[in-house]
Amino acid sequence: MTIQDFVIDFAFASILILIGQLLRSNLKIFQKFFIPASVLAGFLGLIFGPNGLGWIPFSEAMGGYAGLLIILVFVVVGVNGFEFKKSTGGDSQVKRIIGYQIFKIIVWALQIFVPLIFTIFVLKKIWPGLNDGFGMLLHSGFYGGHGTAAAVGSTFADLGFEDAQDIAITFATFGILTGIFGGIILINIAARKGQTAYMKDFKFIDGDMKTGLVSFENRKPFGQQTISSVSLDTLSYHGAFIIALTGMTILLNRWLAEHVLAGIPDFTLGFIVALIFFLIFRNTPVYDYLDKDVNTRISGSATDYLVVFGIAAVKLDVVMSYAGPIILSLLVGWLLVFIIVWPFGKAYNKNDWFERSIFVYGYLTGVFAIGFVLYRIVDPDNVSETIEDTAMTPATNIAEIVIWSLYPALLISGQWLIAAAIPFVIIIASIIATKVTGTWVFNVPDSERNILKNQMK
């Protein structure tokens, strides 16, 4: 591969992204279901690229870009750090937050536990040669989206499960489609039953959300200029930190593999390196000139290209060879996420239960952005304070990364029992916490919840 190949690959990906945005902004079918432009671009790359018709001459390195970009994404997560927020409300607000957090934790653990057990006790009985790690790929794709799917898949591939990344990306793609199409269906059902608190119809949704093009009056700065352009462009300053930490991660992992321990996932090490950077510099002038919003935009751009390359690089023959277990796993995954809304969402959230549930449903099927889009539909003014409540437990992000980092090695080595025991213990602990805190509210009648009284006609 030459530097020209690298530029050409990203040039074609960029053209596909622009075409994807053009399709999103002009075709109502894509607007109606909020299909991301990067997903459309990825499908175009799959159809017309080397794994499809072969019209787009992507290089052989195309399949490796996702694994590289995900390091950068996790570096940004670490650099942005975390902040614990405290509730200033009374007992009712504290109880609301506790119930919501237990809800999030228990459904996250279920999405790990159920596919693992289903793989071991059902799928492997039908397909004995199936890798034990197959069940983890559903969770990494559905919950983590394309970025995590690429990271976990590449880790499995390094450990010998070579087809893992193609399968994980496939799950991630179906996950996003499940989040979008399923979310719209659930919102329609809830609105017609009068179970939403702040909406009756979809008519109020503005054109910006539909087309993806932000109108002039709604445009906002995507970050603060922290460095004078006389010295250095702000984007260069932020990019320098992110790219430097990404490169240091790769070099450090090479050294660790040779002298200390091989097999550490690059994305995990990237997060750790960046988090150490955050902890060291968070209270120094260095960090004063880093804007989290700018970092997030860099991460978002990397994620868009990751999605394009991830989908375009999927080997259809590999997917077809796993068609049976993929289809059965998807059925289990779909059942799980729908149960998350009904009855779990209603059981753990007294007021605004649907608004909170649809948000969690969204990011359990793809990415935070899908959950946010669905949430904006049902609670455009954030009256339910779901976003604030979600931000109160950033430490759960660390737990997720630990799971994604350790499980490939556990499952490849045949330690599926340990892998299944961890989420099972979390589920039991969550049930006990529910009992202790009294946050189970499933039996509270609708008349005591703040939902709309008039159903949609």
Protein backbone atom coordinates (compact mmCIF):
# COMPACT_ATOMS: atom_id res chain seq x y z
CA MET A 1 0.00 0.00 0.00
CA THR A 2 1.26 3.50 -0.90
CA ILE A 3 0.34 6.91 0.47
CA GLN A 4 -1.58 7.47 -2.75
CA ASP A 5 -3.71 4.39 -2.02
CA PHE A 6 -4.49 5.82 1.42
CA VAL A 7 -5.58 9.16 -0.04
CA ILE A 8 -7.64 7.49 -2.78
CA ASP A 9 -9.42 5.24 -0.27
CA PHE A 10 -10.45 8.22 1.85
CA ALA A 11 -11.34 10.21 -1.27
CA PHE A 12 -13.80 7.52 -2.37
CA ALA A 13 -15.15 7.23 1.18
CA SER A 14 -15.63 11.01 1.24
CA ILE A 15 -17.51 10.95 -2.06
CA LEU A 16 -19.76 8.19 -0.71
CA ILE A 17 -20.42 10.21 2.46
CA LEU A 18 -21.44 13.22 0.38
CA ILE A 19 -23.71 11.03 -1.75
CA GLY A 20 -25.15 9.55 1.44
CA GLN A 21 -25.93 13.03 2.77
CA LEU A 22 -27.44 13.98 -0.59
CA LEU A 23 -29.73 10.95 -0.42
CA ARG A 24 -30.64 11.70 3.21
CA SER A 25 -31.49 15.33 2.49
CA ASN A 26 -33.61 14.63 -0.60
CA LEU A 27 -35.33 11.26 -0.23
CA LYS A 28 -38.20 11.18 2.24
CA ILE A 29 -37.84 7.46 2.94
CA PHE A 30 -34.41 8.10 4.49
CA GLN A 31 -35.68 11.20 6.28
CA LYS A 32 -38.66 9.38 7.73
CA PHE A 33 -36.46 6.79 9.39
CA PHE A 34 -33.45 9.06 10.13
CA ILE A 35 -30.98 6.79 8.30
CA PRO A 36 -27.45 8.19 8.97
CA ALA A 37 -25.60 9.37 5.88
CA SER A 38 -22.56 7.30 6.89
CA VAL A 39 -24.66 4.11 6.92
CA LEU A 40 -25.98 4.90 3.44
CA ALA A 41 -22.40 5.56 2.33
CA GLY A 42 -21.28 2.25 3.80
CA PHE A 43 -23.96 0.32 1.93
CA LEU A 44 -22.97 2.08 -1.31
CA GLY A 45 -19.36 1.08 -0.64
CA LEU A 46 -20.43 -2.50 -0.01
CA ILE A 47 -22.48 -2.65 -3.21
CA PHE A 48 -20.01 -0.92 -5.52
CA GLY A 49 -16.73 -1.77 -3.77
CA PRO A 50 -14.44 -4.83 -4.00
CA ASN A 51 -16.88 -7.04 -2.05
CA GLY A 52 -19.73 -6.14 -4.38
CA LEU A 53 -19.67 -5.07 -8.02
CA GLY A 54 -16.02 -4.02 -7.87
CA TRP A 55 -16.57 -0.60 -9.44
CA ILE A 56 -14.85 1.35 -6.63
CA PRO A 57 -11.14 0.42 -6.42
CA PHE A 58 -10.61 0.47 -2.68
CA SER A 59 -7.19 -0.84 -1.69
CA GLU A 60 -6.62 -4.05 0.25
CA ALA A 61 -6.03 -1.92 3.34
CA MET A 62 -9.70 -0.91 3.42
CA GLY A 63 -10.53 -3.54 6.02
CA GLY A 64 -7.90 -2.21 8.43
CA TYR A 65 -9.07 1.39 8.65
CA ALA A 66 -11.89 0.64 11.09
CA GLY A 67 -9.47 -0.92 13.58
CA LEU A 68 -7.22 2.14 13.35
CA LEU A 69 -9.98 4.73 13.60
CA ILE A 70 -11.52 3.08 16.66
CA ILE A 71 -8.27 3.68 18.58
CA LEU A 72 -8.68 7.40 17.90
CA VAL A 73 -12.32 7.28 19.00
CA PHE A 74 -11.44 5.65 22.33
CA VAL A 75 -8.54 8.07 22.80
CA VAL A 76 -11.05 10.93 22.63
CA VAL A 77 -13.22 9.19 25.24
CA GLY A 78 -10.21 9.07 27.55
CA VAL A 79 -9.02 12.63 26.85
CA ASN A 80 -12.49 14.03 27.53
CA GLY A 81 -12.41 12.23 30.87
CA PHE A 82 -15.36 12.06 33.18
CA GLU A 83 -17.26 14.18 35.64
CA PHE A 84 -19.55 12.89 38.35
CA LYS A 85 -22.67 14.98 38.69
CA LYS A 86 -24.67 15.21 41.87
CA SER A 87 -28.42 15.36 42.18
CA THR A 88 -29.68 18.49 43.93
CA GLY A 89 -33.27 17.30 44.12
CA GLY A 90 -35.22 15.74 46.93
CA ASP A 91 -35.85 12.10 47.76
CA SER A 92 -38.22 11.60 44.82
CA GLN A 93 -35.60 12.80 42.35
CA VAL A 94 -32.91 10.66 43.93
CA LYS A 95 -35.19 7.63 43.74
CA ARG A 96 -35.95 8.47 40.10
CA ILE A 97 -32.26 8.57 39.27
CA ILE A 98 -31.47 5.35 41.16
CA GLY A 99 -34.29 3.50 39.40
CA TYR A 100 -33.11 4.73 36.01
CA GLN A 101 -29.51 3.71 36.69
CA ILE A 102 -30.54 0.22 37.84
CA PHE A 103 -32.68 -0.05 34.70
CA LYS A 104 -29.70 0.84 32.49
CA ILE A 105 -27.36 -1.57 34.26
CA ILE A 106 -29.69 -4.56 34.28
CA VAL A 107 -30.60 -4.30 30.59
CA TRP A 108 -26.93 -3.86 29.69
CA ALA A 109 -26.05 -7.02 31.64
CA LEU A 110 -28.94 -8.92 30.07
CA GLN A 111 -27.71 -8.02 26.60
CA ILE A 112 -24.37 -9.63 27.45
CA PHE A 113 -25.66 -12.65 29.37
CA VAL A 114 -28.52 -13.86 27.15
CA PRO A 115 -26.61 -14.03 23.82
CA LEU A 116 -23.68 -15.80 25.51
CA ILE A 117 -25.93 -18.46 27.02
CA PHE A 118 -27.94 -18.74 23.80
CA THR A 119 -24.74 -19.33 21.84
CA ILE A 120 -23.43 -22.03 24.19
CA PHE A 121 -26.67 -23.96 24.79
CA VAL A 122 -28.55 -23.47 21.52
CA LEU A 123 -26.39 -22.32 18.61
CA LYS A 124 -23.45 -24.63 19.38
CA LYS A 125 -25.83 -27.59 19.56
CA ILE A 126 -26.90 -26.82 15.99
CA TRP A 127 -23.47 -25.67 14.74
CA PRO A 128 -20.88 -27.46 16.96
CA GLY A 129 -17.94 -25.68 15.35
CA LEU A 130 -19.22 -22.22 16.22
CA ASN A 131 -16.76 -20.13 18.21
CA ASP A 132 -17.73 -19.48 21.85
CA GLY A 133 -17.14 -15.78 21.27
CA PHE A 134 -19.94 -15.54 18.71
CA GLY A 135 -22.45 -14.49 21.40
CA MET A 136 -20.33 -11.50 22.39
CA LEU A 137 -20.44 -10.14 18.86
CA LEU A 138 -24.17 -9.41 19.08
CA HIS A 139 -23.68 -7.23 22.16
CA SER A 140 -20.65 -5.44 20.74
CA GLY A 141 -22.56 -4.66 17.54
CA PHE A 142 -25.92 -3.76 19.06
CA TYR A 143 -24.75 -1.88 22.14
CA GLY A 144 -21.42 -0.62 20.93
CA GLY A 145 -22.23 0.19 17.32
CA HIS A 146 -19.80 -0.05 14.43
CA GLY A 147 -16.87 1.36 16.38
CA THR A 148 -16.98 -1.16 19.19
CA ALA A 149 -17.89 -3.93 16.74
CA ALA A 150 -14.71 -3.16 14.81
CA ALA A 151 -12.66 -3.08 18.01
CA VAL A 152 -14.03 -6.29 19.51
CA GLY A 153 -14.08 -8.04 16.14
CA SER A 154 -10.45 -7.19 15.42
CA THR A 155 -9.46 -8.36 18.91
CA PHE A 156 -11.17 -11.70 18.29
CA ALA A 157 -9.47 -11.89 14.88
CA ASP A 158 -6.05 -11.37 16.47
CA LEU A 159 -6.85 -14.27 18.81
CA GLY A 160 -7.80 -16.62 15.97
CA PHE A 161 -11.51 -15.96 15.29
CA GLU A 162 -10.77 -14.45 11.88
CA ASP A 163 -14.37 -13.87 10.76
CA ALA A 164 -15.35 -12.02 13.92
CA GLN A 165 -15.06 -8.47 12.57
CA ASP A 166 -17.30 -9.13 9.56
CA ILE A 167 -19.91 -10.72 11.82
CA ALA A 168 -19.69 -7.94 14.42
CA ILE A 169 -20.06 -5.22 11.77
CA THR A 170 -23.07 -7.09 10.39
CA PHE A 171 -24.66 -7.13 13.85
CA ALA A 172 -23.89 -3.42 14.26
CA THR A 173 -25.55 -2.61 10.94
CA PHE A 174 -28.67 -4.58 11.79
CA GLY A 175 -28.57 -3.00 15.24
CA ILE A 176 -28.73 0.54 13.88
CA LEU A 177 -31.56 -0.43 11.52
CA THR A 178 -33.35 -2.05 14.47
CA GLY A 179 -32.86 1.10 16.50
CA ILE A 180 -34.21 3.37 13.79
CA PHE A 181 -37.09 1.36 12.33
CA GLY A 182 -38.02 -0.37 15.58
CA GLY A 183 -37.78 2.89 17.51
CA ILE A 184 -40.15 4.70 15.16
CA ILE A 185 -42.62 1.80 15.40
CA LEU A 186 -42.44 1.80 19.20
CA ILE A 187 -42.96 5.57 19.34
CA ASN A 188 -46.01 5.30 17.11
CA ILE A 189 -47.49 2.55 19.27
CA ALA A 190 -46.80 4.43 22.51
CA ALA A 191 -48.21 7.69 21.16
CA ARG A 192 -51.39 6.01 19.97
CA LYS A 193 -51.82 4.36 23.37
CA GLY A 194 -51.30 7.67 25.13
CA GLN A 195 -48.15 6.46 26.89
CA THR A 196 -45.95 9.39 25.91
CA ALA A 197 -45.75 12.47 28.10
CA TYR A 198 -44.73 15.24 25.71
CA MET A 199 -45.83 14.42 22.15
CA LYS A 200 -48.89 13.44 20.20
CA ASP A 201 -47.62 13.41 16.63
CA PHE A 202 -44.49 13.51 14.45
CA LYS A 203 -45.54 16.70 12.67
CA PHE A 204 -43.55 19.00 14.95
CA ILE A 205 -40.20 17.41 14.03
CA ASP A 206 -38.19 20.10 12.30
CA GLY A 207 -36.60 19.83 8.89
CA ASP A 208 -33.08 19.91 10.33
CA MET A 209 -33.57 16.53 11.99
CA LYS A 210 -35.18 15.07 8.90
CA THR A 211 -32.71 16.24 6.27
CA GLY A 212 -29.61 16.42 8.41
CA LEU A 213 -28.97 19.93 7.06
CA VAL A 214 -28.97 22.59 9.78
CA SER A 215 -30.79 25.75 8.74
CA PHE A 216 -28.97 29.07 9.10
CA GLU A 217 -30.93 30.25 12.15
CA ASN A 218 -30.24 26.99 14.03
CA ARG A 219 -26.51 26.80 13.44
CA LYS A 220 -24.21 26.77 16.45
CA PRO A 221 -20.42 26.71 16.89
CA PHE A 222 -19.16 23.15 17.22
CA GLY A 223 -16.57 24.22 19.76
CA GLN A 224 -14.55 27.08 21.19
CA GLN A 225 -11.46 28.60 19.63
CA THR A 226 -8.88 28.05 22.35
CA ILE A 227 -5.73 28.87 20.37
CA SER A 228 -5.12 32.04 18.37
CA SER A 229 -4.83 31.33 14.65
CA VAL A 230 -1.81 33.65 14.62
CA SER A 231 0.02 30.85 16.43
CA LEU A 232 -1.83 27.62 15.61
CA ASP A 233 -5.25 26.61 14.39
CA THR A 234 -7.48 25.33 17.19
CA LEU A 235 -8.35 22.18 15.25
CA SER A 236 -4.63 21.48 14.71
CA TYR A 237 -4.01 21.86 18.45
CA HIS A 238 -6.72 19.39 19.37
CA GLY A 239 -5.89 17.05 16.51
CA ALA A 240 -2.23 17.03 17.54
CA PHE A 241 -3.09 15.69 20.99
CA ILE A 242 -5.51 13.08 19.66
CA ILE A 243 -3.26 11.83 16.86
CA ALA A 244 -0.15 11.87 19.07
CA LEU A 245 -1.88 9.79 21.74
CA THR A 246 -3.19 7.41 19.07
CA GLY A 247 0.30 6.92 17.64
CA MET A 248 1.80 6.50 21.13
CA THR A 249 -0.79 3.82 21.82
CA ILE A 250 0.23 1.81 18.77
CA LEU A 251 3.95 2.12 19.56
CA LEU A 252 3.41 1.26 23.23
CA ASN A 253 1.38 -1.82 22.36
CA ARG A 254 4.10 -3.01 20.00
CA TRP A 255 6.64 -2.66 22.81
CA LEU A 256 4.37 -4.38 25.33
CA ALA A 257 3.72 -7.25 22.92
CA GLU A 258 7.45 -7.80 22.49
CA HIS A 259 8.63 -7.35 26.08
CA VAL A 260 5.70 -7.71 28.49
CA LEU A 261 2.33 -9.00 27.30
CA ALA A 262 0.84 -9.59 23.89
CA GLY A 263 -2.83 -9.43 23.02
CA ILE A 264 -3.84 -6.16 24.71
CA PRO A 265 -6.51 -4.58 22.46
CA ASP A 266 -5.28 -1.34 20.89
CA PHE A 267 -8.52 0.50 21.67
CA THR A 268 -8.28 -0.47 25.36
CA LEU A 269 -4.71 0.74 25.64
CA GLY A 270 -5.67 3.92 23.79
CA PHE A 271 -8.38 4.63 26.33
CA ILE A 272 -6.01 3.95 29.25
CA VAL A 273 -3.23 6.14 27.82
CA ALA A 274 -5.68 8.99 27.16
CA LEU A 275 -7.32 8.61 30.58
CA ILE A 276 -3.90 8.86 32.24
CA PHE A 277 -3.31 12.01 30.20
CA PHE A 278 -6.64 13.39 31.46
CA LEU A 279 -5.88 12.58 35.09
CA ILE A 280 -2.42 14.18 34.90
CA PHE A 281 -3.36 17.34 33.01
CA ARG A 282 -7.01 17.95 33.96
CA ASN A 283 -6.09 20.67 36.48
CA THR A 284 -3.27 22.24 34.47
CA PRO A 285 -3.18 25.01 31.82
CA VAL A 286 -2.69 22.33 29.15
CA TYR A 287 -6.22 21.03 29.67
CA ASP A 288 -7.65 24.55 29.92
CA TYR A 289 -7.07 24.92 26.19
CA LEU A 290 -8.67 21.62 25.21
CA ASP A 291 -12.34 21.91 24.32
CA LYS A 292 -14.34 18.71 24.73
CA ASP A 293 -16.75 19.68 21.97
CA VAL A 294 -13.92 20.01 19.45
CA ASN A 295 -12.55 16.64 20.56
CA THR A 296 -16.01 15.13 20.12
CA ARG A 297 -16.26 16.50 16.59
CA ILE A 298 -12.92 14.89 15.73
CA SER A 299 -14.19 11.61 17.18
CA GLY A 300 -17.48 11.97 15.32
CA SER A 301 -15.69 12.47 12.01
CA ALA A 302 -13.54 9.41 12.64
CA THR A 303 -16.66 7.41 13.49
CA ASP A 304 -18.37 8.41 10.24
CA TYR A 305 -15.44 7.12 8.18
CA LEU A 306 -15.22 4.06 10.41
CA VAL A 307 -18.85 3.22 9.61
CA VAL A 308 -18.26 3.63 5.88
CA PHE A 309 -15.16 1.45 5.79
CA GLY A 310 -16.60 -1.02 8.28
CA ILE A 311 -19.72 -1.74 6.24
CA ALA A 312 -17.97 -1.55 2.86
CA ALA A 313 -15.33 -4.06 3.99
CA VAL A 314 -17.82 -6.72 5.12
CA LYS A 315 -17.20 -9.96 3.24
CA LEU A 316 -20.61 -11.14 2.12
CA ASP A 317 -19.43 -14.73 1.67
CA VAL A 318 -18.38 -14.81 5.34
CA VAL A 319 -21.73 -13.39 6.44
CA MET A 320 -23.59 -15.95 4.34
CA SER A 321 -21.56 -18.80 5.84
CA TYR A 322 -22.80 -17.68 9.28
CA ALA A 323 -26.32 -16.83 8.09
CA GLY A 324 -28.05 -19.37 10.35
CA PRO A 325 -26.53 -18.34 13.70
CA ILE A 326 -26.68 -14.66 12.71
CA ILE A 327 -30.42 -14.83 11.99
CA LEU A 328 -31.23 -16.71 15.20
CA SER A 329 -29.07 -14.34 17.24
CA LEU A 330 -30.78 -11.34 15.67
CA LEU A 331 -34.16 -12.75 16.67
CA VAL A 332 -32.94 -13.05 20.26
CA GLY A 333 -31.42 -9.57 20.10
CA TRP A 334 -34.64 -8.04 18.76
CA LEU A 335 -36.72 -9.75 21.44
CA LEU A 336 -34.37 -8.47 24.14
CA VAL A 337 -34.45 -4.83 23.09
CA PHE A 338 -38.23 -4.79 22.73
CA ILE A 339 -38.59 -6.30 26.21
CA ILE A 340 -36.33 -3.51 27.44
CA VAL A 341 -39.04 -1.00 26.58
CA TRP A 342 -41.98 -3.13 27.70
CA PRO A 343 -42.02 -4.14 30.53
CA PHE A 344 -38.58 -3.21 31.96
CA GLY A 345 -38.77 0.47 31.11
CA LYS A 346 -42.16 0.80 32.74
CA ALA A 347 -41.05 -1.21 35.76
CA TYR A 348 -38.09 1.01 36.67
CA ASN A 349 -39.37 4.45 35.68
CA LYS A 350 -42.58 5.83 37.15
CA ASN A 351 -42.76 9.13 35.31
CA ASP A 352 -41.53 9.63 31.74
CA TRP A 353 -41.03 5.88 31.53
CA PHE A 354 -41.38 5.72 27.77
CA GLU A 355 -39.10 8.68 27.12
CA ARG A 356 -36.37 7.09 29.21
CA SER A 357 -36.94 3.64 27.76
CA ILE A 358 -36.79 4.73 24.12
CA PHE A 359 -33.51 6.54 24.79
CA VAL A 360 -31.98 3.41 26.33
CA TYR A 361 -33.47 1.30 23.52
CA GLY A 362 -31.75 3.55 20.98
CA TYR A 363 -28.24 3.19 22.33
CA LEU A 364 -28.73 -0.52 23.06
CA THR A 365 -29.27 -1.03 19.33
CA GLY A 366 -26.56 1.14 17.88
CA VAL A 367 -25.05 4.32 19.19
CA PHE A 368 -25.85 7.17 21.55
CA ALA A 369 -26.90 9.28 18.55
CA ILE A 370 -29.74 6.89 17.66
CA GLY A 371 -31.03 7.02 21.22
CA PHE A 372 -30.78 10.80 21.18
CA VAL A 373 -32.72 11.12 17.91
CA LEU A 374 -35.52 8.89 19.22
CA TYR A 375 -35.50 10.78 22.51
CA ARG A 376 -35.72 14.14 20.74
CA ILE A 377 -38.86 12.93 19.00
CA VAL A 378 -40.68 12.09 22.23
CA ASP A 379 -39.16 14.76 24.50
CA PRO A 380 -37.81 17.59 22.32
CA ASP A 381 -37.27 19.95 25.27
CA ASN A 382 -35.67 17.37 27.60
CA VAL A 383 -38.36 17.92 30.22
CA SER A 384 -37.81 14.42 31.61
CA GLU A 385 -34.12 15.23 32.28
CA THR A 386 -33.09 11.87 30.86
CA ILE A 387 -29.85 13.24 29.41
CA GLU A 388 -28.77 14.69 32.75
CA ASP A 389 -29.60 11.47 34.58
CA THR A 390 -27.63 9.49 32.00
CA ALA A 391 -24.56 11.67 32.56
CA MET A 392 -24.46 10.92 36.29
CA THR A 393 -22.68 7.57 35.97
CA PRO A 394 -19.71 7.98 33.61
CA ALA A 395 -17.92 5.15 35.43
CA THR A 396 -20.18 2.66 33.63
CA ASN A 397 -18.30 3.56 30.44
CA ILE A 398 -15.15 2.16 32.03
CA ALA A 399 -16.97 -1.07 32.94
CA GLU A 400 -18.09 -1.45 29.33
CA ILE A 401 -14.57 -1.02 28.02
CA VAL A 402 -13.25 -3.57 30.53
CA ILE A 403 -15.85 -6.11 29.36
CA TRP A 404 -15.10 -5.53 25.68
CA SER A 405 -11.38 -5.81 26.38
CA LEU A 406 -11.32 -8.96 28.51
CA TYR A 407 -14.08 -11.09 27.00
CA PRO A 408 -12.42 -12.00 23.69
CA ALA A 409 -9.52 -13.67 25.53
CA LEU A 410 -11.88 -15.31 28.04
CA LEU A 411 -14.15 -16.77 25.37
CA ILE A 412 -11.39 -17.83 23.00
CA SER A 413 -9.79 -19.76 25.87
CA GLY A 414 -13.09 -21.54 26.58
CA GLN A 415 -13.88 -19.67 29.81
CA TRP A 416 -17.48 -18.97 28.80
CA LEU A 417 -18.74 -19.84 32.28
CA ILE A 418 -16.76 -16.99 33.84
CA ALA A 419 -17.84 -14.68 31.03
CA ALA A 420 -21.50 -15.52 31.65
CA ALA A 421 -21.17 -15.42 35.44
CA ILE A 422 -20.09 -11.76 35.54
CA PRO A 423 -23.26 -10.29 33.94
CA PHE A 424 -25.37 -12.84 35.84
CA VAL A 425 -23.98 -11.56 39.15
CA ILE A 426 -24.64 -7.99 37.99
CA ILE A 427 -28.25 -8.92 37.20
CA ILE A 428 -28.74 -10.52 40.64
CA ALA A 429 -27.12 -7.52 42.34
CA SER A 430 -29.42 -5.20 40.39
CA ILE A 431 -32.48 -7.18 41.50
CA ILE A 432 -31.33 -6.94 45.12
CA ALA A 433 -30.71 -3.20 44.70
CA THR A 434 -34.20 -2.85 43.26
CA LYS A 435 -35.67 -4.50 46.35
CA VAL A 436 -33.57 -2.44 48.77
CA THR A 437 -34.26 0.91 47.10
CA GLY A 438 -37.92 0.22 46.33
CA THR A 439 -37.53 1.31 42.73
CA TRP A 440 -39.79 -1.35 41.15
CA VAL A 441 -42.85 0.60 39.96
CA PHE A 442 -44.36 -1.74 37.38
CA ASN A 443 -47.70 -1.92 39.20
CA VAL A 444 -48.16 1.84 39.39
CA PRO A 445 -51.28 2.59 37.28
CA ASP A 446 -51.12 4.95 34.30
CA SER A 447 -53.37 7.37 36.17
CA GLU A 448 -50.46 8.06 38.53
CA ARG A 449 -47.88 8.57 35.78
CA ASN A 450 -47.35 11.79 33.80
CA ILE A 451 -48.51 10.57 30.41
CA LEU A 452 -50.79 12.17 27.86
CA LYS A 453 -54.45 11.53 28.50
CA ASN A 454 -55.50 11.91 24.89
CA GLN A 455 -54.38 9.21 22.54
CA MET A 456 -53.42 9.89 18.93
CA LYS A 457 -56.25 9.31 16.50
